[in-house]
């Protein structure tokens, strides 16, 4: 769908996100997010970036442990 609309997806790491020139961040099936990854995503959205996720993102640690509260809640 994104390809049909003329968008070119880019794979980003949590270290790359702060310097990336993107307006929309899509998190497909991203249940596990590190603390640093969540901080980067929160800064991205606070700066006006749009976050799109298909399920509840960040409900597990980067090690796959279920968290009491999601990192992006």
C-alpha atoms as a PDB file:
ATOM      1  CA  UNK A   1       0.000   0.000   0.000  1.00  0.00           C
ATOM      2  CA  UNK A   2       2.779   2.447   0.872  1.00  0.00           C
ATOM      3  CA  UNK A   3       4.605   1.516  -2.340  1.00  0.00           C
ATOM      4  CA  UNK A   4       1.460   2.175  -4.368  1.00  0.00           C
ATOM      5  CA  UNK A   5       1.231   5.645  -2.839  1.00  0.00           C
ATOM      6  CA  UNK A   6       4.813   6.403  -3.877  1.00  0.00           C
ATOM      7  CA  UNK A   7       6.434   6.029  -0.433  1.00  0.00           C
ATOM      8  CA  UNK A   8       9.756   4.309   0.024  1.00  0.00           C
ATOM      9  CA  UNK A   9      10.061   2.540   3.403  1.00  0.00           C
ATOM     10  CA  UNK A  10      13.340   2.831   5.293  1.00  0.00           C
ATOM     11  CA  UNK A  11      14.511   0.446   8.015  1.00  0.00           C
ATOM     12  CA  UNK A  12      15.651   2.387  11.090  1.00  0.00           C
ATOM     13  CA  UNK A  13      17.272   1.407  14.368  1.00  0.00           C
ATOM     14  CA  UNK A  14      16.628   3.286  17.605  1.00  0.00           C
ATOM     15  CA  UNK A  15      20.012   4.997  17.149  1.00  0.00           C
ATOM     16  CA  UNK A  16      19.115   6.175  13.631  1.00  0.00           C
ATOM     17  CA  UNK A  17      15.640   7.552  14.434  1.00  0.00           C
ATOM     18  CA  UNK A  18      16.689  10.898  15.992  1.00  0.00           C
ATOM     19  CA  UNK A  19      18.614  11.939  12.869  1.00  0.00           C
ATOM     20  CA  UNK A  20      16.240  10.386  10.321  1.00  0.00           C
ATOM     21  CA  UNK A  21      14.246  12.633   8.009  1.00  0.00           C
ATOM     22  CA  UNK A  22      10.916  10.819   8.375  1.00  0.00           C
ATOM     23  CA  UNK A  23       7.426  12.033   9.228  1.00  0.00           C
ATOM     24  CA  UNK A  24       5.733   8.659   9.799  1.00  0.00           C
ATOM     25  CA  UNK A  25       7.055   5.697  11.784  1.00  0.00           C
ATOM     26  CA  UNK A  26       5.313   2.372  11.164  1.00  0.00           C
ATOM     27  CA  UNK A  27       5.779  -0.381  13.757  1.00  0.00           C
ATOM     28  CA  UNK A  28       4.481  -3.661  12.319  1.00  0.00           C
ATOM     29  CA  UNK A  29       4.141  -6.357  15.025  1.00  0.00           C
ATOM     30  CA  UNK A  30       6.494  -4.520  17.369  1.00  0.00           C
ATOM     31  CA  UNK A  31       5.571  -5.865  20.779  1.00  0.00           C
ATOM     32  CA  UNK A  32       9.134  -5.768  22.168  1.00  0.00           C
ATOM     33  CA  UNK A  33      10.820  -2.365  22.539  1.00  0.00           C
ATOM     34  CA  UNK A  34      13.844  -1.382  24.634  1.00  0.00           C
ATOM     35  CA  UNK A  35      13.817   1.589  27.012  1.00  0.00           C
ATOM     36  CA  UNK A  36      16.087   3.517  24.625  1.00  0.00           C
ATOM     37  CA  UNK A  37      13.871   2.620  21.669  1.00  0.00           C
ATOM     38  CA  UNK A  38      10.790   3.864  23.525  1.00  0.00           C
ATOM     39  CA  UNK A  39      12.588   7.109  24.418  1.00  0.00           C
ATOM     40  CA  UNK A  40      13.490   7.656  20.749  1.00  0.00           C
ATOM     41  CA  UNK A  41       9.918   6.978  19.639  1.00  0.00           C
ATOM     42  CA  UNK A  42       8.475   9.278  22.319  1.00  0.00           C
ATOM     43  CA  UNK A  43      10.828  12.093  21.240  1.00  0.00           C
ATOM     44  CA  UNK A  44       9.834  11.482  17.603  1.00  0.00           C
ATOM     45  CA  UNK A  45       6.110  11.818  18.350  1.00  0.00           C
ATOM     46  CA  UNK A  46       6.655  14.781  20.712  1.00  0.00           C
ATOM     47  CA  UNK A  47       8.365  16.555  17.800  1.00  0.00           C
ATOM     48  CA  UNK A  48       5.269  16.015  15.620  1.00  0.00           C
ATOM     49  CA  UNK A  49       6.047  12.643  14.055  1.00  0.00           C
ATOM     50  CA  UNK A  50       3.192  10.223  13.385  1.00  0.00           C
ATOM     51  CA  UNK A  51       3.358   6.735  14.882  1.00  0.00           C
ATOM     52  CA  UNK A  52       1.343   3.908  13.274  1.00  0.00           C
ATOM     53  CA  UNK A  53       1.222   0.467  14.903  1.00  0.00           C
ATOM     54  CA  UNK A  54      -0.905  -2.561  14.071  1.00  0.00           C
ATOM     55  CA  UNK A  55      -0.927  -4.074  17.576  1.00  0.00           C
ATOM     56  CA  UNK A  56      -0.063  -2.862  21.066  1.00  0.00           C
ATOM     57  CA  UNK A  57       3.608  -1.833  20.698  1.00  0.00           C
ATOM     58  CA  UNK A  58       6.075  -2.006  23.562  1.00  0.00           C
ATOM     59  CA  UNK A  59       4.245  -4.427  25.858  1.00  0.00           C
ATOM     60  CA  UNK A  60       7.407  -6.534  26.174  1.00  0.00           C
ATOM     61  CA  UNK A  61      11.010  -5.718  26.991  1.00  0.00           C
ATOM     62  CA  UNK A  62      13.702  -6.161  24.369  1.00  0.00           C
ATOM     63  CA  UNK A  63      14.246  -9.581  25.985  1.00  0.00           C
ATOM     64  CA  UNK A  64      10.632 -10.655  25.426  1.00  0.00           C
ATOM     65  CA  UNK A  65       9.481 -10.232  29.018  1.00  0.00           C
ATOM     66  CA  UNK A  66       5.900  -9.033  29.444  1.00  0.00           C
ATOM     67  CA  UNK A  67       5.788  -5.607  31.119  1.00  0.00           C
ATOM     68  CA  UNK A  68       3.192  -4.416  33.651  1.00  0.00           C
ATOM     69  CA  UNK A  69       2.782  -1.257  31.582  1.00  0.00           C
ATOM     70  CA  UNK A  70       3.648  -0.760  27.923  1.00  0.00           C
ATOM     71  CA  UNK A  71       6.660   1.393  27.154  1.00  0.00           C
ATOM     72  CA  UNK A  72       4.666   3.603  24.804  1.00  0.00           C
ATOM     73  CA  UNK A  73       1.530   3.951  26.965  1.00  0.00           C
END
